[in-house]
Protein backbone atom coordinates (compact mmCIF):
# COMPACT_ATOMS: atom_id res chain seq x y z
CA UNK A 1 -13.55 -9.23 -9.63
CA UNK A 2 -14.77 -11.91 -11.44
CA UNK A 3 -12.75 -14.33 -13.44
CA UNK A 4 -12.52 -18.05 -14.90
CA UNK A 5 -9.66 -19.99 -12.66
CA UNK A 6 -9.04 -21.93 -15.46
CA UNK A 7 -8.84 -19.96 -18.07
CA UNK A 8 -6.56 -17.66 -16.35
CA UNK A 9 -4.36 -20.63 -15.44
CA UNK A 10 -4.14 -21.36 -19.14
CA UNK A 11 -2.83 -17.24 -19.52
CA UNK A 12 -0.38 -17.61 -16.75
CA UNK A 13 1.42 -20.70 -17.89
CA UNK A 14 1.60 -19.78 -21.11
CA UNK A 15 3.15 -16.87 -19.85
CA UNK A 16 5.85 -18.10 -17.84
CA UNK A 17 6.46 -21.65 -19.32
CA UNK A 18 9.18 -21.03 -21.64
CA UNK A 19 11.85 -18.47 -21.38
CA UNK A 20 12.38 -17.83 -24.62
CA UNK A 21 8.51 -17.82 -26.07
CA UNK A 22 7.47 -14.30 -26.94
CA UNK A 23 4.85 -12.02 -24.39
CA UNK A 24 1.30 -12.25 -24.98
CA UNK A 25 0.53 -9.59 -27.84
CA UNK A 26 -2.54 -7.30 -26.33
CA UNK A 27 -4.45 -4.81 -27.93
CA UNK A 28 -6.77 -2.38 -25.60
CA UNK A 29 -10.23 -1.35 -27.43
CA UNK A 30 -12.91 0.55 -26.54
CA UNK A 31 -16.33 -0.88 -26.39
CA UNK A 32 -18.20 2.35 -25.56
CA UNK A 33 -18.04 4.89 -28.59
CA UNK A 34 -19.53 7.85 -27.13
CA UNK A 35 -19.23 11.34 -25.69
CA UNK A 36 -17.43 10.05 -22.94
CA UNK A 37 -15.65 6.87 -24.39
CA UNK A 38 -11.79 6.80 -23.81
CA UNK A 39 -10.19 8.84 -26.65
CA UNK A 40 -6.32 8.40 -27.79
CA UNK A 41 -4.73 9.75 -24.78
CA UNK A 42 -6.86 7.50 -21.88
CA UNK A 43 -5.96 4.07 -24.52
CA UNK A 44 -2.36 5.27 -24.58
CA UNK A 45 -2.19 5.48 -20.82
CA UNK A 46 -3.26 2.06 -20.24
CA UNK A 47 -0.98 0.85 -22.86
CA UNK A 48 1.73 2.32 -21.38
CA UNK A 49 0.89 0.70 -17.91
CA UNK A 50 0.20 -2.36 -19.46
CA UNK A 51 3.72 -2.38 -21.45
CA UNK A 52 5.64 -1.23 -18.39
CA UNK A 53 4.95 -4.34 -16.64
CA UNK A 54 6.79 -6.19 -18.91
CA UNK A 55 3.89 -9.03 -19.63
CA UNK A 56 2.82 -8.25 -22.80
CA UNK A 57 3.74 -7.23 -26.17
CA UNK A 58 1.21 -4.06 -26.55
CA UNK A 59 -0.22 -3.54 -30.13
CA UNK A 60 -1.10 -0.46 -31.90
CA UNK A 61 -4.10 -0.76 -33.44
CA UNK A 62 -5.17 3.17 -34.35
CA UNK A 63 -8.43 3.91 -35.18
CA UNK A 64 -9.50 0.11 -34.75
CA UNK A 65 -9.17 0.47 -31.50
CA UNK A 66 -12.97 1.89 -31.17
CA UNK A 67 -15.44 -0.61 -32.22
CA UNK A 68 -19.06 1.02 -32.23
CA UNK A 69 -20.44 -2.24 -32.75
CA UNK A 70 -23.63 -4.11 -30.90
CA UNK A 71 -23.08 -6.67 -28.04
CA UNK A 72 -23.96 -9.46 -30.32
CA UNK A 73 -21.77 -8.58 -32.84
CA UNK A 74 -18.59 -7.66 -30.67
CA UNK A 75 -16.89 -11.07 -30.73
CA UNK A 76 -17.04 -11.46 -34.08
CA UNK A 77 -15.30 -8.07 -34.45
CA UNK A 78 -12.66 -9.26 -31.90
CA UNK A 79 -11.97 -11.97 -33.75
CA UNK A 80 -11.30 -10.23 -37.34
CA UNK A 81 -9.18 -7.85 -35.57
CA UNK A 82 -7.24 -10.67 -33.42
CA UNK A 83 -6.49 -12.27 -36.82
CA UNK A 84 -5.90 -9.05 -38.16
CA UNK A 85 -3.46 -7.64 -36.32
CA UNK A 86 -2.24 -11.11 -34.68
CA UNK A 87 -3.31 -10.44 -31.18
CA UNK A 88 -3.41 -13.12 -28.22
CA UNK A 89 -5.32 -11.04 -25.70
CA UNK A 90 -7.78 -7.86 -25.67
CA UNK A 91 -8.51 -5.31 -23.35
CA UNK A 92 -11.92 -4.31 -23.81
CA UNK A 93 -12.32 -0.96 -21.98
CA UNK A 94 -15.70 0.67 -20.98
CA UNK A 95 -16.20 3.85 -19.43
CA UNK A 96 -19.74 5.33 -19.05
CA UNK A 97 -20.22 9.62 -18.24
CA UNK A 98 -19.68 10.56 -14.32
CA UNK A 99 -22.12 10.47 -12.31
CA UNK A 100 -22.79 13.51 -9.88
CA UNK A 101 -24.55 14.03 -6.98
CA UNK A 102 -24.84 16.99 -4.36
CA UNK A 103 -25.82 16.72 -0.86
CA UNK A 104 -26.59 20.00 1.88
CA UNK A 105 -25.38 19.53 5.26
CA UNK A 106 -25.91 21.94 7.80
CA UNK A 107 -22.34 23.19 9.85
CA UNK A 108 -21.27 25.90 12.09
CA UNK A 109 -25.08 27.36 11.83
CA UNK A 110 -24.70 27.57 7.97
CA UNK A 111 -26.13 25.30 5.14
CA UNK A 112 -23.09 23.92 2.81
CA UNK A 113 -23.13 22.04 -0.05
CA UNK A 114 -21.15 18.81 -1.17
CA UNK A 115 -20.44 17.95 -4.97
CA UNK A 116 -19.51 14.24 -5.61
CA UNK A 117 -18.26 13.15 -8.81
CA UNK A 118 -17.47 9.16 -9.53
CA UNK A 119 -16.08 7.55 -12.34
CA UNK A 120 -16.37 3.99 -13.00
CA UNK A 121 -14.26 2.01 -15.49
CA UNK A 122 -15.21 -1.59 -16.91
CA UNK A 123 -12.26 -4.16 -18.64
CA UNK A 124 -13.03 -6.99 -20.02
CA UNK A 125 -10.35 -9.50 -21.15
CA UNK A 126 -11.03 -11.57 -23.92
CA UNK A 127 -9.05 -14.27 -25.80
CA UNK A 128 -8.06 -13.84 -29.50
CA UNK A 129 -11.03 -16.19 -30.24
CA UNK A 130 -13.07 -14.32 -28.39
CA UNK A 131 -13.38 -16.00 -24.94
CA UNK A 132 -13.85 -13.85 -22.02
CA UNK A 133 -10.97 -14.31 -19.90
CA UNK A 134 -12.45 -12.45 -16.99
CA UNK A 135 -13.65 -8.58 -15.62
CA UNK A 136 -12.48 -6.07 -13.51
CA UNK A 137 -13.92 -3.01 -12.39
CA UNK A 138 -12.08 0.05 -10.47
CA UNK A 139 -13.77 3.49 -9.22
CA UNK A 140 -12.48 6.68 -8.38
CA UNK A 141 -14.57 9.06 -6.16
CA UNK A 142 -13.90 12.98 -5.83
CA UNK A 143 -16.16 15.15 -3.47
CA UNK A 144 -15.20 18.88 -2.69
CA UNK A 145 -17.58 22.06 -1.43
CA UNK A 146 -19.15 24.17 -3.45
CA UNK A 147 -17.76 26.19 -5.91
CA UNK A 148 -16.33 22.90 -7.29
CA UNK A 149 -16.43 21.68 -10.93
CA UNK A 150 -14.74 18.62 -11.55
CA UNK A 151 -12.37 17.27 -14.45
CA UNK A 152 -14.65 14.41 -15.30
CA UNK A 153 -11.52 13.60 -17.87
CA UNK A 154 -8.80 13.68 -15.53
CA UNK A 155 -10.49 11.16 -13.31
CA UNK A 156 -11.45 8.77 -16.15
CA UNK A 157 -7.48 8.65 -17.00
CA UNK A 158 -6.73 7.83 -13.44
CA UNK A 159 -9.50 5.29 -13.14
CA UNK A 160 -8.39 3.75 -16.19
CA UNK A 161 -4.61 3.46 -15.24
CA UNK A 162 -5.45 2.05 -11.86
CA UNK A 163 -7.30 -0.88 -13.59
CA UNK A 164 -4.54 -1.47 -16.06
CA UNK A 165 -2.33 -1.82 -12.72
CA UNK A 166 -4.63 -3.85 -10.76
CA UNK A 167 -5.45 -6.47 -13.72
CA UNK A 168 -1.48 -7.20 -13.93
CA UNK A 169 -1.39 -8.46 -10.53
CA UNK A 170 -5.38 -9.69 -9.98
CA UNK A 171 -5.81 -11.18 -13.46
CA UNK A 172 -2.44 -12.00 -14.45
CA UNK A 173 -0.08 -12.96 -11.71
CA UNK A 174 3.31 -14.54 -12.25
CA UNK A 175 3.49 -18.09 -11.20
CA UNK A 176 6.46 -20.43 -11.01
CA UNK A 177 7.45 -23.96 -9.49
CA UNK A 178 10.89 -24.62 -8.13
CA UNK A 179 13.21 -26.77 -5.92
CA UNK A 180 13.58 -25.15 -2.51
CA UNK A 181 17.82 -25.06 -1.35
CA UNK A 182 18.60 -25.11 2.40
CA UNK A 183 19.74 -21.64 2.69
CA UNK A 184 18.45 -18.09 2.57
CA UNK A 185 18.30 -17.09 -1.20
CA UNK A 186 16.48 -19.14 -3.52
CA UNK A 187 17.01 -19.35 -7.50
CA UNK A 188 13.70 -19.13 -9.50
CA UNK A 189 13.58 -20.27 -13.12
CA UNK A 190 11.69 -16.81 -14.03
CA UNK A 191 13.30 -13.50 -15.36
CA UNK A 192 13.28 -10.06 -16.80
CA UNK A 193 11.83 -12.43 -20.35
CA UNK A 194 9.04 -13.18 -18.16
CA UNK A 195 7.98 -9.84 -16.81
CA UNK A 196 9.17 -10.41 -13.36
CA UNK A 197 11.14 -7.39 -11.94
CA UNK A 198 13.12 -6.47 -8.56
CA UNK A 199 11.29 -6.24 -5.73
CA UNK A 200 8.46 -8.46 -6.63
CA UNK A 201 6.68 -10.01 -3.70
CA UNK A 202 5.40 -13.68 -3.93
CA UNK A 203 3.53 -15.98 -2.13
CA UNK A 204 5.16 -19.85 -1.86
CA UNK A 205 3.73 -23.14 -1.06
CA UNK A 206 4.58 -26.23 -1.52
CA UNK A 207 3.85 -28.54 -4.57
CA UNK A 208 3.38 -32.39 -5.13
CA UNK A 209 2.85 -34.10 -8.20
CA UNK A 210 0.89 -37.05 -6.63
CA UNK A 211 0.05 -38.45 -3.47
CA UNK A 212 3.18 -38.59 -1.70
CA UNK A 213 4.48 -42.13 -0.77
CA UNK A 214 7.69 -41.81 1.36
CA UNK A 215 7.97 -39.37 4.25
CA UNK A 216 10.24 -36.94 2.90
CA UNK A 217 7.64 -35.91 0.90
CA UNK A 218 5.25 -35.15 3.29
CA UNK A 219 7.74 -33.43 5.29
CA UNK A 220 8.17 -31.48 1.79
CA UNK A 221 4.39 -30.62 1.89
CA UNK A 222 5.20 -28.44 5.13
CA UNK A 223 6.72 -25.59 3.02
CA UNK A 224 5.32 -22.23 2.81
CA UNK A 225 6.22 -18.79 3.13
CA UNK A 226 6.61 -15.42 1.38
CA UNK A 227 9.24 -14.62 -1.01
CA UNK A 228 10.83 -11.40 -2.63
CA UNK A 229 12.81 -11.16 -5.83
CA UNK A 230 16.24 -9.38 -4.57
CA UNK A 231 17.83 -9.99 -8.34
CA UNK A 232 16.61 -10.52 -11.85
CA UNK A 233 18.14 -11.80 -14.67
CA UNK A 234 16.84 -12.38 -17.99
CA UNK A 235 15.32 -16.11 -17.57
CA UNK A 236 16.64 -16.72 -13.78
CA UNK A 237 15.98 -14.72 -10.57
CA UNK A 238 17.38 -14.74 -6.58
CA UNK A 239 14.49 -14.17 -4.29
CA UNK A 240 15.17 -14.20 -0.34
CA UNK A 241 12.35 -15.97 1.87
CA UNK A 242 10.70 -12.96 4.12
CA UNK A 243 8.55 -15.06 6.17
CA UNK A 244 7.64 -19.21 6.74
CA UNK A 245 9.73 -22.23 6.01
CA UNK A 246 10.58 -24.07 3.00
CA UNK A 247 11.70 -27.27 2.66
CA UNK A 248 15.28 -28.03 1.48
CA UNK A 249 14.63 -30.20 -1.72
CA UNK A 250 11.06 -29.87 -2.10
CA UNK A 251 9.01 -28.45 -4.87
CA UNK A 252 7.55 -24.97 -4.30
CA UNK A 253 4.87 -23.12 -6.25
CA UNK A 254 5.36 -19.14 -5.89
CA UNK A 255 2.47 -17.25 -7.04
CA UNK A 256 3.21 -13.08 -7.55
CA UNK A 257 0.69 -10.91 -4.74
CA UNK A 258 0.82 -7.87 -3.55
CA UNK A 259 3.30 -6.32 -1.01
CA UNK A 260 3.11 -6.96 2.55
CA UNK A 261 2.37 -4.45 5.38
CA UNK A 262 3.37 -4.85 9.35
CA UNK A 263 1.01 -4.08 12.14
CA UNK A 264 2.75 -2.39 15.17
CA UNK A 265 1.67 -2.05 18.84
CA UNK A 266 4.54 -0.16 20.63
CA UNK A 267 4.92 0.71 24.18
CA UNK A 268 7.07 4.08 23.65
CA UNK A 269 9.27 6.10 25.99
CA UNK A 270 9.94 9.64 24.89
CA UNK A 271 12.41 12.30 26.62
CA UNK A 272 10.96 15.71 26.98
CA UNK A 273 12.22 19.13 28.21
CA UNK A 274 10.05 20.78 30.16
CA UNK A 275 9.39 23.88 32.47
CA UNK A 276 7.03 23.88 35.26
CA UNK A 277 4.65 26.76 35.53
CA UNK A 278 4.73 29.32 38.50
CA UNK A 279 4.79 28.82 41.59
CA UNK A 280 5.90 24.85 40.84
CA UNK A 281 8.83 23.09 41.21
CA UNK A 282 10.49 19.68 39.38
CA UNK A 283 13.04 18.62 37.27
CA UNK A 284 13.88 20.25 33.69
CA UNK A 285 13.59 16.50 32.12
CA UNK A 286 11.21 13.71 31.86
CA UNK A 287 9.85 10.54 30.13
CA UNK A 288 6.60 10.99 28.41
CA UNK A 289 4.66 6.89 28.24
CA UNK A 290 3.20 5.98 25.12
CA UNK A 291 1.45 3.51 23.38
CA UNK A 292 1.85 3.79 19.52
CA UNK A 293 -0.58 1.95 16.77
CA UNK A 294 1.17 2.22 13.24
CA UNK A 295 1.07 0.14 9.92
CA UNK A 296 4.31 0.16 7.51
CA UNK A 297 4.90 -1.33 4.16
CA UNK A 298 6.69 -4.95 4.92
CA UNK A 299 8.81 -5.06 2.12
CA UNK A 300 12.73 -5.68 1.80
CA UNK A 301 13.65 -2.11 0.46
CA UNK A 302 11.86 1.11 0.32
CA UNK A 303 9.27 0.81 2.41
CA UNK A 304 6.40 3.89 4.07
CA UNK A 305 3.90 3.90 6.57
CA UNK A 306 2.62 5.92 9.58
CA UNK A 307 1.14 5.57 12.95
CA UNK A 308 -0.83 7.35 15.80
CA UNK A 309 0.39 7.75 19.06
CA UNK A 310 -1.01 8.56 22.37
CA UNK A 311 0.47 9.02 26.00
CA UNK A 312 1.77 12.09 28.08
CA UNK A 313 3.04 13.06 31.33
CA UNK A 314 1.06 13.94 34.89
CA UNK A 315 -1.49 16.43 34.10
CA UNK A 316 -0.43 16.46 30.67
CA UNK A 317 -1.59 14.21 27.58
CA UNK A 318 -0.26 14.07 23.96
CA UNK A 319 -1.28 12.53 20.59
CA UNK A 320 0.68 12.27 17.77
CA UNK A 321 0.20 11.39 14.18
CA UNK A 322 3.47 10.51 12.13
CA UNK A 323 4.60 9.74 8.58
CA UNK A 324 7.72 7.55 7.90
CA UNK A 325 9.81 6.80 5.03
CA UNK A 326 12.94 4.48 5.29
CA UNK A 327 14.34 0.64 4.25
CA UNK A 328 14.19 -2.63 5.77
CA UNK A 329 17.16 -5.00 5.40
CA UNK A 330 17.54 -8.50 6.20
CA UNK A 331 19.92 -9.51 8.41
CA UNK A 332 19.02 -13.00 8.72
CA UNK A 333 15.96 -14.30 6.61
CA UNK A 334 13.69 -14.92 7.31
CA UNK A 335 13.39 -13.76 10.94
CA UNK A 336 15.49 -10.64 11.73
CA UNK A 337 15.51 -7.46 9.82
CA UNK A 338 16.61 -3.87 10.49
CA UNK A 339 14.26 -0.80 9.62
CA UNK A 340 15.56 2.18 9.15
CA UNK A 341 13.27 5.25 8.45
CA UNK A 342 12.98 8.72 8.93
CA UNK A 343 9.85 11.43 8.54
CA UNK A 344 8.05 13.89 10.57
CA UNK A 345 5.07 14.16 13.31
CA UNK A 346 2.60 16.45 14.60
CA UNK A 347 1.52 16.30 18.28
CA UNK A 348 -1.62 17.78 19.80
CA UNK A 349 -0.69 18.75 23.02
CA UNK A 350 -3.26 19.14 26.22
CA UNK A 351 -2.68 19.56 30.01
CA UNK A 352 -4.73 20.30 32.91
CA UNK A 353 -5.36 24.28 34.23
CA UNK A 354 -4.57 24.92 37.95
CA UNK A 355 -7.38 27.81 37.74
CA UNK A 356 -11.24 27.24 38.86
CA UNK A 357 -12.21 30.00 36.57
CA UNK A 358 -10.91 28.44 33.55
CA UNK A 359 -13.63 26.49 31.17
CA UNK A 360 -11.30 24.09 29.51
CA UNK A 361 -7.86 22.76 29.71
CA UNK A 362 -4.75 24.12 27.55
CA UNK A 363 -3.61 22.82 24.19
CA UNK A 364 -0.88 23.74 22.25
CA UNK A 365 0.16 22.25 19.10
CA UNK A 366 3.89 21.34 17.91
CA UNK A 367 5.99 19.27 15.00
CA UNK A 368 9.17 16.71 15.18
CA UNK A 369 11.16 15.18 12.86
CA UNK A 370 11.76 11.81 13.48
CA UNK A 371 14.92 9.05 12.78
CA UNK A 372 14.31 5.82 13.66
CA UNK A 373 16.18 2.44 13.94
CA UNK A 374 14.47 -1.09 14.72
CA UNK A 375 15.12 -4.54 14.89
CA UNK A 376 12.50 -7.03 14.16
CA UNK A 377 12.43 -10.59 15.15
CA UNK A 378 9.64 -12.56 13.41
CA UNK A 379 8.84 -15.88 15.80
CA UNK A 380 6.42 -17.15 13.33
CA UNK A 381 4.58 -16.79 10.19
CA UNK A 382 3.08 -13.32 10.96
CA UNK A 383 4.09 -12.46 14.71
CA UNK A 384 7.24 -10.99 15.92
CA UNK A 385 8.44 -8.51 18.17
CA UNK A 386 10.84 -5.41 17.61
CA UNK A 387 12.94 -2.35 19.54
CA UNK A 388 14.21 0.23 18.44
CA UNK A 389 15.77 3.59 19.31
CA UNK A 390 14.42 6.90 17.81
CA UNK A 391 16.04 10.54 17.45
CA UNK A 392 13.51 13.34 17.76
CA UNK A 393 14.14 17.11 16.89
CA UNK A 394 11.04 19.05 17.59
CA UNK A 395 9.48 22.36 18.31
CA UNK A 396 8.66 23.72 21.71
CA UNK A 397 5.30 24.32 22.96
CA UNK A 398 5.48 27.43 24.78
CA UNK A 399 2.16 28.98 23.90
CA UNK A 400 -0.87 27.60 25.62
CA UNK A 401 -4.57 28.57 24.90
CA UNK A 402 -7.11 28.22 27.17
CA UNK A 403 -10.99 29.38 27.33
CA UNK A 404 -13.13 31.33 29.87
CA UNK A 405 -16.51 30.21 31.00
CA UNK A 406 -17.71 33.73 29.25
CA UNK A 407 -16.08 31.86 26.10
CA UNK A 408 -13.46 33.97 25.27
CA UNK A 409 -9.71 32.12 24.22
CA UNK A 410 -6.72 33.38 25.57
CA UNK A 411 -3.33 32.41 25.90
CA UNK A 412 -2.63 30.80 29.48
CA UNK A 413 -0.61 32.95 32.15
CA UNK A 414 2.24 30.98 33.45
CA UNK A 415 0.48 30.56 37.20
CA UNK A 416 -2.48 28.70 35.11
CA UNK A 417 -0.64 26.01 33.97
CA UNK A 418 1.25 23.05 35.17
CA UNK A 419 4.10 23.65 32.27
CA UNK A 420 5.09 26.56 30.24
CA UNK A 421 6.89 24.85 28.36
CA UNK A 422 7.10 21.20 26.76
CA UNK A 423 9.55 20.10 23.69
CA UNK A 424 10.00 16.58 22.80
CA UNK A 425 13.67 14.96 22.37
CA UNK A 426 16.06 14.72 21.87
CA UNK A 427 15.82 10.86 21.60
CA UNK A 428 12.98 8.14 22.72
CA UNK A 429 12.83 4.16 23.04
CA UNK A 430 10.35 1.71 21.80
CA UNK A 431 9.17 -1.67 21.99
CA UNK A 432 6.54 -3.93 21.15
CA UNK A 433 4.65 -6.81 18.78
CA UNK A 434 4.66 -6.54 15.14
CA UNK A 435 2.21 -8.47 12.83
CA UNK A 436 2.74 -9.19 9.04
CA UNK A 437 -0.35 -9.08 6.96
CA UNK A 438 -0.39 -11.28 3.88
């Protein structure tokens, strides 16, 4: 992304400076009028994405939106359209023809050919006078084994929509200055009329109009944190502090940014039901020790993510891949939160074999449904701890495969393995460290 900060600052301040001001009027045009140029459906999809943000009044330019002019005449043409259509900003889209490449690889004693297709969209933002505000580029690629007939048009449409969504945050972030209060929730002078929406994440930092000359003014410069919008009015909103610290009475500037993520490293204990192999004795239940690495969105509200878990019992190991969806509830902002989530996990199990006549360990696969409740406590802006309890309902691994030295794969006999049956559940506990990325 390339842009000119000073020009963007003017645009941003214009957008949020006066609550009663009209939204900037934007026009979407195509500047590469050829057989692969954006057609009505692609331009319409981009316009819908821009309008959905609430930041712009999107103009309907009809046939005027297709500019078949040389680069040296482009600026004059944009100025003319801006005057005729009363526009403040242009988004000029350029979508060259998709590029295709093929590659051949050797796999399983065969030659396999893959075809890849790449669509590259370039967006240029101009003011009504023809000054460039900035540019943003987006690329979408697909690759599959032949026969593969890629849909170039569908890729171009997806790529253009993604570019429009990215431009809202990367080129036109909302910015607002307010006075911090001594509470967990702050009032912010920005609302629907400026395009703000519930759930928006904003990074906050101390603001000062001049060089501080009092102790309090220096103290106020310690303000720094991450906010999320909870409720939105027409011209005012309320925001909760997710991380950091804001000095009561200090001036703070908040700038919109993407949602944070939380990285986890946990130690897990999962209960397991087991049946030992023939001739072996032991308890019918045990605890599987595991380490889990995961990442999830850090929003107060709907969140999702997943992780990778590795561990096991004596003579056995497991690898789990999970996907969780849930909600994160603030209990005491910004430090304490409760995450409730649920999802599924695929578990790959492996155990040692007792017979020397076998060439490999024994393997099995099972699946499980997970419900989890976790308390998360941040003791710094980014780092914290978490503790949780999980409920697990999974299938049993009671069919194990082994390989003989001859290469034959077959089901294991009960006297060849340590565990005839393994099943995760019904619950587990976990604790570890979390790190908020923003």
